Amino acid sequence: MAREMKGYRDLLELYTNKYPSRIALRLGEVAEICGVSEQTIKAAIERPHNPLPAQNIGGGKNNKTYSITITALARWQCGGTT
């Protein structure tokens, strides 16, 4: 069984307190949390090495609307891969 990454629980608690009863966040919310632009988050999602895990819920290649689970975001920020 894999060990939990240092800081994971702290980030998870922070996000669940900020967004109660949510399991996933929109691109703008993740950008706000990280203090960067939405374009920077999109670039992190689309990069080939250790991309930010996200689901395209927009319905196609040209209509990309992303959803990122709170657990995946916390894991990724702690240096984990999905």
Protein backbone atom coordinates (compact mmCIF):
# COMPACT_ATOMS: atom_id res chain seq x y z
CA MET A 1 0.00 0.00 0.00
CA ALA A 2 1.36 3.43 -0.95
CA ARG A 3 2.17 5.94 1.74
CA GLU A 4 0.23 9.14 1.92
CA MET A 5 2.26 12.13 0.78
CA LYS A 6 3.34 14.78 3.26
CA GLY A 7 0.89 17.70 3.28
CA TYR A 8 -1.88 15.80 1.48
CA ARG A 9 -4.31 15.80 4.42
CA ASP A 10 -3.68 19.49 5.11
CA LEU A 11 -4.48 20.43 1.51
CA LEU A 12 -7.50 18.16 1.44
CA GLU A 13 -8.85 19.78 4.62
CA LEU A 14 -8.20 23.27 3.25
CA TYR A 15 -10.09 22.54 0.02
CA THR A 16 -13.01 20.78 1.68
CA ASN A 17 -13.39 23.68 4.12
CA LYS A 18 -13.30 26.22 1.29
CA TYR A 19 -15.67 24.19 -0.93
CA PRO A 20 -17.90 22.15 1.39
CA SER A 21 -19.93 19.33 -0.16
CA ARG A 22 -17.93 19.51 -3.41
CA ILE A 23 -15.82 16.72 -4.84
CA ALA A 24 -14.58 18.54 -7.95
CA LEU A 25 -13.59 22.07 -8.88
CA ARG A 26 -13.80 24.13 -12.04
CA LEU A 27 -10.73 25.56 -13.76
CA GLY A 28 -11.27 29.05 -12.34
CA GLU A 29 -11.51 27.74 -8.79
CA VAL A 30 -8.26 25.80 -9.15
CA ALA A 31 -6.58 28.90 -10.62
CA GLU A 32 -7.78 30.95 -7.63
CA ILE A 33 -6.47 28.35 -5.16
CA CYS A 34 -3.07 28.23 -6.88
CA GLY A 35 -2.84 32.00 -7.41
CA VAL A 36 -2.29 31.69 -11.16
CA SER A 37 -4.28 32.29 -14.34
CA GLU A 38 -6.66 29.80 -15.94
CA GLN A 39 -4.24 29.62 -18.88
CA THR A 40 -1.49 28.42 -16.54
CA ILE A 41 -3.79 25.71 -15.16
CA LYS A 42 -4.74 24.64 -18.71
CA ALA A 43 -1.03 24.38 -19.56
CA ALA A 44 -0.46 22.20 -16.46
CA ILE A 45 -3.32 19.93 -17.54
CA GLU A 46 -2.01 19.58 -21.08
CA ARG A 47 1.70 19.12 -20.36
CA PRO A 48 3.14 15.69 -21.20
CA HIS A 49 5.08 15.08 -17.95
CA ASN A 50 3.09 14.86 -14.68
CA PRO A 51 0.01 16.72 -15.94
CA LEU A 52 -2.58 18.07 -13.54
CA PRO A 53 -5.25 15.36 -13.59
CA ALA A 54 -8.51 16.71 -14.99
CA GLN A 55 -11.57 15.50 -16.84
CA ASN A 56 -12.78 17.26 -19.96
CA ILE A 57 -16.49 17.68 -19.32
CA GLY A 58 -17.03 20.08 -22.22
CA GLY A 59 -18.01 17.50 -24.77
CA GLY A 60 -15.22 17.56 -27.32
CA LYS A 61 -11.73 18.55 -28.39
CA ASN A 62 -12.67 22.12 -29.27
CA ASN A 63 -14.92 22.70 -26.25
CA LYS A 64 -12.67 21.98 -23.28
CA THR A 65 -14.31 22.55 -19.92
CA TYR A 66 -12.33 20.87 -17.17
CA SER A 67 -13.26 19.40 -13.81
CA ILE A 68 -10.57 18.54 -11.25
CA THR A 69 -11.32 16.47 -8.17
CA ILE A 70 -10.17 17.88 -4.85
CA THR A 71 -8.32 14.67 -4.01
CA ALA A 72 -6.45 14.65 -7.35
CA LEU A 73 -5.49 18.31 -6.94
CA ALA A 74 -4.15 17.74 -3.41
CA ARG A 75 -2.21 14.64 -4.53
CA TRP A 76 -0.74 16.46 -7.54
CA GLN A 77 0.30 19.47 -5.44
CA CYS A 78 2.15 17.16 -3.06
CA GLY A 79 4.23 15.87 -5.95
CA GLY A 80 2.25 12.75 -6.63
CA THR A 81 1.21 11.41 -9.96
CA THR A 82 -2.10 9.94 -10.86
